[in-house]
PDB file of all heavy atoms in Angstrom:
ATOM      1  N   ARG A   1      28.129  -5.650  10.949  1.00  0.00           N
ATOM      2  CA  ARG A   1      27.819  -6.291   9.617  1.00  0.00           C
ATOM      3  C   ARG A   1      26.300  -6.675   9.431  1.00  0.00           C
ATOM      4  O   ARG A   1      25.744  -6.486   8.319  1.00  0.00           O
ATOM      5  CB  ARG A   1      28.792  -7.484   9.403  1.00  0.00           C
ATOM      6  CG  ARG A   1      28.578  -8.133   7.925  1.00  0.00           C
ATOM      7  CD  ARG A   1      29.554  -9.271   7.823  1.00  0.00           C
ATOM      8  NE  ARG A   1      30.894  -8.964   8.091  1.00  0.00           N
ATOM      9  CZ  ARG A   1      31.922  -9.784   8.209  1.00  0.00           C
ATOM     10  NH1 ARG A   1      31.679 -11.245   7.991  1.00  0.00           N
ATOM     11  NH2 ARG A   1      33.152  -9.467   8.517  1.00  0.00           N
ATOM     12  N   ARG A   2      25.780  -7.282  10.504  1.00  0.00           N
ATOM     13  CA  ARG A   2      24.456  -7.649  10.439  1.00  0.00           C
ATOM     14  C   ARG A   2      23.441  -6.536  10.405  1.00  0.00           C
ATOM     15  O   ARG A   2      22.514  -6.450   9.652  1.00  0.00           O
ATOM     16  CB  ARG A   2      24.085  -8.522  11.779  1.00  0.00           C
ATOM     17  CG  ARG A   2      24.577  -9.931  11.702  1.00  0.00           C
ATOM     18  CD  ARG A   2      23.929 -10.788  12.756  1.00  0.00           C
ATOM     19  NE  ARG A   2      24.162 -10.381  14.046  1.00  0.00           N
ATOM     20  CZ  ARG A   2      25.184 -10.746  14.786  1.00  0.00           C
ATOM     21  NH1 ARG A   2      26.038 -11.609  14.296  1.00  0.00           N
ATOM     22  NH2 ARG A   2      25.406 -10.359  16.111  1.00  0.00           N
ATOM     23  N   SER A   3      23.833  -5.476  11.157  1.00  0.00           N
ATOM     24  CA  SER A   3      23.007  -4.170  11.087  1.00  0.00           C
ATOM     25  C   SER A   3      23.075  -3.559   9.668  1.00  0.00           C
ATOM     26  O   SER A   3      22.005  -3.071   9.220  1.00  0.00           O
ATOM     27  CB  SER A   3      23.597  -3.153  12.105  1.00  0.00           C
ATOM     28  OG  SER A   3      23.483  -3.714  13.486  1.00  0.00           O
ATOM     29  N   PHE A   4      24.226  -3.643   9.049  1.00  0.00           N
ATOM     30  CA  PHE A   4      24.289  -3.064   7.696  1.00  0.00           C
ATOM     31  C   PHE A   4      23.404  -3.826   6.736  1.00  0.00           C
ATOM     32  O   PHE A   4      22.741  -3.179   5.859  1.00  0.00           O
ATOM     33  CB  PHE A   4      25.850  -2.999   7.281  1.00  0.00           C
ATOM     34  CG  PHE A   4      26.023  -2.382   5.957  1.00  0.00           C
ATOM     35  CD1 PHE A   4      25.979  -1.018   5.884  1.00  0.00           C
ATOM     36  CD2 PHE A   4      26.229  -3.143   4.869  1.00  0.00           C
ATOM     37  CE1 PHE A   4      26.225  -0.404   4.616  1.00  0.00           C
ATOM     38  CE2 PHE A   4      26.474  -2.424   3.649  1.00  0.00           C
ATOM     39  CZ  PHE A   4      26.491  -1.188   3.624  1.00  0.00           C
ATOM     40  N   SER A   5      23.483  -5.192   6.907  1.00  0.00           N
ATOM     41  CA  SER A   5      22.648  -6.032   6.053  1.00  0.00           C
ATOM     42  C   SER A   5      21.158  -5.864   6.226  1.00  0.00           C
ATOM     43  O   SER A   5      20.361  -5.753   5.285  1.00  0.00           O
ATOM     44  CB  SER A   5      22.966  -7.555   6.266  1.00  0.00           C
ATOM     45  OG  SER A   5      24.370  -7.758   5.977  1.00  0.00           O
ATOM     46  N   TRP A   6      20.787  -5.591   7.433  1.00  0.00           N
ATOM     47  CA  TRP A   6      19.289  -5.430   7.765  1.00  0.00           C
ATOM     48  C   TRP A   6      18.889  -4.065   7.202  1.00  0.00           C
ATOM     49  O   TRP A   6      17.751  -3.911   6.700  1.00  0.00           O
ATOM     50  CB  TRP A   6      19.039  -5.411   9.231  1.00  0.00           C
ATOM     51  CG  TRP A   6      18.840  -6.779   9.790  1.00  0.00           C
ATOM     52  CD1 TRP A   6      19.494  -7.626  10.565  1.00  0.00           C
ATOM     53  CD2 TRP A   6      17.602  -7.598   9.459  1.00  0.00           C
ATOM     54  NE1 TRP A   6      18.930  -8.879  10.748  1.00  0.00           N
ATOM     55  CE2 TRP A   6      17.717  -8.784  10.116  1.00  0.00           C
ATOM     56  CE3 TRP A   6      16.313  -7.361   8.784  1.00  0.00           C
ATOM     57  CZ2 TRP A   6      16.736  -9.838  10.178  1.00  0.00           C
ATOM     58  CZ3 TRP A   6      15.386  -8.256   8.800  1.00  0.00           C
ATOM     59  CH2 TRP A   6      15.610  -9.522   9.449  1.00  0.00           C
ATOM     60  N   PHE A   7      19.772  -3.174   7.195  1.00  0.00           N
ATOM     61  CA  PHE A   7      19.423  -1.755   6.794  1.00  0.00           C
ATOM     62  C   PHE A   7      19.197  -1.832   5.213  1.00  0.00           C
ATOM     63  O   PHE A   7      18.161  -1.287   4.669  1.00  0.00           O
ATOM     64  CB  PHE A   7      20.615  -0.779   6.984  1.00  0.00           C
ATOM     65  CG  PHE A   7      20.449   0.523   6.250  1.00  0.00           C
ATOM     66  CD1 PHE A   7      19.535   1.498   6.667  1.00  0.00           C
ATOM     67  CD2 PHE A   7      21.120   0.726   5.105  1.00  0.00           C
ATOM     68  CE1 PHE A   7      19.375   2.674   5.957  1.00  0.00           C
ATOM     69  CE2 PHE A   7      21.081   1.850   4.312  1.00  0.00           C
ATOM     70  CZ  PHE A   7      20.204   2.896   4.795  1.00  0.00           C
ATOM     71  N   TRP A   8      20.015  -2.556   4.463  1.00  0.00           N
ATOM     72  CA  TRP A   8      19.804  -2.695   3.082  1.00  0.00           C
ATOM     73  C   TRP A   8      18.580  -3.422   2.672  1.00  0.00           C
ATOM     74  O   TRP A   8      17.897  -3.291   1.762  1.00  0.00           O
ATOM     75  CB  TRP A   8      21.076  -3.141   2.383  1.00  0.00           C
ATOM     76  CG  TRP A   8      22.107  -2.148   2.151  1.00  0.00           C
ATOM     77  CD1 TRP A   8      23.269  -2.006   2.750  1.00  0.00           C
ATOM     78  CD2 TRP A   8      21.959  -1.065   1.295  1.00  0.00           C
ATOM     79  NE1 TRP A   8      23.948  -0.943   2.370  1.00  0.00           N
ATOM     80  CE2 TRP A   8      23.238  -0.290   1.431  1.00  0.00           C
ATOM     81  CE3 TRP A   8      21.035  -0.607   0.346  1.00  0.00           C
ATOM     82  CZ2 TRP A   8      23.485   0.888   0.688  1.00  0.00           C
ATOM     83  CZ3 TRP A   8      21.375   0.548  -0.340  1.00  0.00           C
ATOM     84  CH2 TRP A   8      22.512   1.308  -0.200  1.00  0.00           C
ATOM     85  N   PHE A   9      18.330  -4.505   3.506  1.00  0.00           N
ATOM     86  CA  PHE A   9      17.138  -5.303   3.254  1.00  0.00           C
ATOM     87  C   PHE A   9      15.849  -4.566   3.421  1.00  0.00           C
ATOM     88  O   PHE A   9      15.011  -4.587   2.609  1.00  0.00           O
ATOM     89  CB  PHE A   9      17.173  -6.489   4.245  1.00  0.00           C
ATOM     90  CG  PHE A   9      15.877  -7.316   4.263  1.00  0.00           C
ATOM     91  CD1 PHE A   9      15.553  -8.224   3.184  1.00  0.00           C
ATOM     92  CD2 PHE A   9      14.973  -7.149   5.259  1.00  0.00           C
ATOM     93  CE1 PHE A   9      14.407  -8.968   3.186  1.00  0.00           C
ATOM     94  CE2 PHE A   9      13.766  -7.892   5.258  1.00  0.00           C
ATOM     95  CZ  PHE A   9      13.510  -8.745   4.172  1.00  0.00           C
ATOM     96  N   LEU A  10      15.808  -3.776   4.577  1.00  0.00           N
ATOM     97  CA  LEU A  10      14.602  -2.990   4.859  1.00  0.00           C
ATOM     98  C   LEU A  10      14.551  -1.899   3.784  1.00  0.00           C
ATOM     99  O   LEU A  10      13.416  -1.547   3.293  1.00  0.00           O
ATOM    100  CB  LEU A  10      14.658  -2.338   6.199  1.00  0.00           C
ATOM    101  CG  LEU A  10      14.639  -3.360   7.419  1.00  0.00           C
ATOM    102  CD1 LEU A  10      14.821  -2.639   8.728  1.00  0.00           C
ATOM    103  CD2 LEU A  10      13.252  -4.027   7.379  1.00  0.00           C
ATOM    104  N   ALA A  11      15.530  -1.231   3.385  1.00  0.00           N
ATOM    105  CA  ALA A  11      15.515  -0.205   2.438  1.00  0.00           C
ATOM    106  C   ALA A  11      15.003  -0.765   1.028  1.00  0.00           C
ATOM    107  O   ALA A  11      14.210  -0.121   0.357  1.00  0.00           O
ATOM    108  CB  ALA A  11      16.910   0.451   2.218  1.00  0.00           C
ATOM    109  N   SER A  12      15.511  -1.929   0.712  1.00  0.00           N
ATOM    110  CA  SER A  12      15.082  -2.616  -0.625  1.00  0.00           C
ATOM    111  C   SER A  12      13.533  -2.927  -0.472  1.00  0.00           C
ATOM    112  O   SER A  12      12.793  -2.756  -1.471  1.00  0.00           O
ATOM    113  CB  SER A  12      15.892  -3.798  -0.806  1.00  0.00           C
ATOM    114  OG  SER A  12      17.268  -3.492  -0.938  1.00  0.00           O
ATOM    115  N   LEU A  13      13.143  -3.378   0.662  1.00  0.00           N
ATOM    116  CA  LEU A  13      11.752  -3.769   0.851  1.00  0.00           C
ATOM    117  C   LEU A  13      10.830  -2.588   0.660  1.00  0.00           C
ATOM    118  O   LEU A  13       9.844  -2.585   0.053  1.00  0.00           O
ATOM    119  CB  LEU A  13      11.576  -4.444   2.210  1.00  0.00           C
ATOM    120  CG  LEU A  13      10.171  -4.998   2.593  1.00  0.00           C
ATOM    121  CD1 LEU A  13       9.708  -5.955   1.491  1.00  0.00           C
ATOM    122  CD2 LEU A  13      10.089  -5.469   4.006  1.00  0.00           C
ATOM    123  N   VAL A  14      11.313  -1.458   1.474  1.00  0.00           N
ATOM    124  CA  VAL A  14      10.438  -0.253   1.407  1.00  0.00           C
ATOM    125  C   VAL A  14      10.345   0.300  -0.093  1.00  0.00           C
ATOM    126  O   VAL A  14       9.306   0.747  -0.513  1.00  0.00           O
ATOM    127  CB  VAL A  14      11.000   0.746   2.314  1.00  0.00           C
ATOM    128  CG1 VAL A  14      10.358   2.187   2.109  1.00  0.00           C
ATOM    129  CG2 VAL A  14      10.804   0.418   3.747  1.00  0.00           C
ATOM    130  N   TRP A  15      11.506   0.243  -0.722  1.00  0.00           N
ATOM    131  CA  TRP A  15      11.583   0.772  -2.138  1.00  0.00           C
ATOM    132  C   TRP A  15      10.655  -0.040  -2.973  1.00  0.00           C
ATOM    133  O   TRP A  15       9.967   0.399  -3.857  1.00  0.00           O
ATOM    134  CB  TRP A  15      13.014   0.784  -2.606  1.00  0.00           C
ATOM    135  CG  TRP A  15      13.131   1.218  -3.991  1.00  0.00           C
ATOM    136  CD1 TRP A  15      13.203   2.560  -4.338  1.00  0.00           C
ATOM    137  CD2 TRP A  15      13.148   0.457  -5.287  1.00  0.00           C
ATOM    138  NE1 TRP A  15      13.333   2.664  -5.769  1.00  0.00           N
ATOM    139  CE2 TRP A  15      13.236   1.381  -6.307  1.00  0.00           C
ATOM    140  CE3 TRP A  15      13.058  -0.855  -5.534  1.00  0.00           C
ATOM    141  CZ2 TRP A  15      13.318   0.938  -7.613  1.00  0.00           C
ATOM    142  CZ3 TRP A  15      13.064  -1.297  -6.837  1.00  0.00           C
ATOM    143  CH2 TRP A  15      13.206  -0.357  -7.946  1.00  0.00           C
ATOM    144  N   THR A  16      10.711  -1.417  -2.867  1.00  0.00           N
ATOM    145  CA  THR A  16       9.885  -2.354  -3.645  1.00  0.00           C
ATOM    146  C   THR A  16       8.416  -2.053  -3.384  1.00  0.00           C
ATOM    147  O   THR A  16       7.639  -1.998  -4.463  1.00  0.00           O
ATOM    148  CB  THR A  16      10.244  -3.785  -3.438  1.00  0.00           C
ATOM    149  OG1 THR A  16      11.614  -3.949  -3.627  1.00  0.00           O
ATOM    150  CG2 THR A  16       9.433  -4.784  -4.365  1.00  0.00           C
ATOM    151  N   LEU A  17       8.011  -1.952  -2.167  1.00  0.00           N
ATOM    152  CA  LEU A  17       6.636  -1.770  -1.863  1.00  0.00           C
ATOM    153  C   LEU A  17       6.166  -0.423  -2.390  1.00  0.00           C
ATOM    154  O   LEU A  17       5.016  -0.317  -2.861  1.00  0.00           O
ATOM    155  CB  LEU A  17       6.425  -1.822  -0.299  1.00  0.00           C
ATOM    156  CG  LEU A  17       6.531  -3.148   0.263  1.00  0.00           C
ATOM    157  CD1 LEU A  17       6.488  -3.069   1.871  1.00  0.00           C
ATOM    158  CD2 LEU A  17       5.517  -4.147  -0.286  1.00  0.00           C
ATOM    159  N   SER A  18       7.036   0.571  -2.277  1.00  0.00           N
ATOM    160  CA  SER A  18       6.610   1.989  -2.726  1.00  0.00           C
ATOM    161  C   SER A  18       6.451   1.930  -4.221  1.00  0.00           C
ATOM    162  O   SER A  18       5.317   2.516  -4.750  1.00  0.00           O
ATOM    163  CB  SER A  18       7.671   3.025  -2.307  1.00  0.00           C
ATOM    164  OG  SER A  18       7.864   3.109  -1.023  1.00  0.00           O
ATOM    165  N   VAL A  19       7.288   1.346  -5.048  1.00  0.00           N
ATOM    166  CA  VAL A  19       7.187   1.211  -6.412  1.00  0.00           C
ATOM    167  C   VAL A  19       5.801   0.388  -6.779  1.00  0.00           C
ATOM    168  O   VAL A  19       5.062   0.787  -7.654  1.00  0.00           O
ATOM    169  CB  VAL A  19       8.341   0.617  -7.085  1.00  0.00           C
ATOM    170  CG1 VAL A  19       8.072   0.147  -8.507  1.00  0.00           C
ATOM    171  CG2 VAL A  19       9.576   1.462  -6.912  1.00  0.00           C
ATOM    172  N   GLY A  20       5.651  -0.707  -6.023  1.00  0.00           N
ATOM    173  CA  GLY A  20       4.507  -1.513  -6.402  1.00  0.00           C
ATOM    174  C   GLY A  20       3.116  -0.800  -6.078  1.00  0.00           C
ATOM    175  O   GLY A  20       2.286  -0.867  -6.977  1.00  0.00           O
ATOM    176  N   VAL A  21       3.126  -0.031  -4.927  1.00  0.00           N
ATOM    177  CA  VAL A  21       1.916   0.732  -4.681  1.00  0.00           C
ATOM    178  C   VAL A  21       1.724   1.819  -5.692  1.00  0.00           C
ATOM    179  O   VAL A  21       0.545   2.107  -6.157  1.00  0.00           O
ATOM    180  CB  VAL A  21       1.969   1.274  -3.166  1.00  0.00           C
ATOM    181  CG1 VAL A  21       0.903   2.232  -2.946  1.00  0.00           C
ATOM    182  CG2 VAL A  21       1.961   0.189  -2.218  1.00  0.00           C
ATOM    183  N   GLY A  22       2.919   2.513  -6.034  1.00  0.00           N
ATOM    184  CA  GLY A  22       2.768   3.591  -6.984  1.00  0.00           C
ATOM    185  C   GLY A  22       2.292   3.107  -8.372  1.00  0.00           C
ATOM    186  O   GLY A  22       1.432   3.761  -9.086  1.00  0.00           O
ATOM    187  N   VAL A  23       2.774   1.942  -8.876  1.00  0.00           N
ATOM    188  CA  VAL A  23       2.366   1.351 -10.133  1.00  0.00           C
ATOM    189  C   VAL A  23       0.780   1.044  -9.994  1.00  0.00           C
ATOM    190  O   VAL A  23       0.047   1.281 -10.922  1.00  0.00           O
ATOM    191  CB  VAL A  23       3.131   0.141 -10.435  1.00  0.00           C
ATOM    192  CG1 VAL A  23       2.580  -0.508 -11.648  1.00  0.00           C
ATOM    193  CG2 VAL A  23       4.610   0.610 -10.762  1.00  0.00           C
ATOM    194  N   ALA A  24       0.414   0.339  -8.785  1.00  0.00           N
ATOM    195  CA  ALA A  24      -0.980  -0.020  -8.670  1.00  0.00           C
ATOM    196  C   ALA A  24      -1.959   1.130  -8.671  1.00  0.00           C
ATOM    197  O   ALA A  24      -2.983   1.153  -9.350  1.00  0.00           O
ATOM    198  CB  ALA A  24      -1.117  -0.821  -7.474  1.00  0.00           C
ATOM    199  N   VAL A  25      -1.507   2.178  -7.900  1.00  0.00           N
ATOM    200  CA  VAL A  25      -2.403   3.349  -7.898  1.00  0.00           C
ATOM    201  C   VAL A  25      -2.459   4.110  -9.236  1.00  0.00           C
ATOM    202  O   VAL A  25      -3.493   4.534  -9.751  1.00  0.00           O
ATOM    203  CB  VAL A  25      -1.837   4.407  -6.781  1.00  0.00           C
ATOM    204  CG1 VAL A  25      -2.579   5.758  -6.900  1.00  0.00           C
ATOM    205  CG2 VAL A  25      -2.087   3.768  -5.393  1.00  0.00           C
ATOM    206  N   GLY A  26      -1.161   4.278  -9.890  1.00  0.00           N
ATOM    207  CA  GLY A  26      -1.278   4.786 -11.254  1.00  0.00           C
ATOM    208  C   GLY A  26      -2.181   4.124 -12.208  1.00  0.00           C
ATOM    209  O   GLY A  26      -2.919   4.678 -13.031  1.00  0.00           O
TER     210      GLY A  26
END
């Protein structure tokens, strides 16, 4: 259960950073 939670946390973090960097660069 903890591994599953960490996976979604990291996936959400990477997605948020990717969107933020994409918006900033654009």
